[in-house]
Amino acid sequence: MPLWQNRKEPCKLYTVNSGIMTLKEVAVFLKVKPVTIYKLLSQKKIPGMKMLGAWRFKRELIDEWIDKDCVAGVKRAM
């Protein structure tokens, strides 16, 4: 079973203190499948950086991205 589908175990994927998350951790945090994160990355819609061939995400930037996207969604709905 993929890690993002494991509902029996509490999310212990990222440590809040580090501030850096993996792709799987971001998927769990946003409650989406990892493939969704890959799609957002390919469309350059989510802030991320590639380090040594693996995607990494700053928690602070993900939080800002969520806030910005929510505000933009509200403005579009008006």
Foldseek 3Di string as FASTA:
>chain_A
DDPLPPPVDPDPQDDVVVQKHFLSSVCNVVVHDSVVVVVCVVVVLADWDADPNTIMDGNVRRVVSVVVVVVVVVVVVD
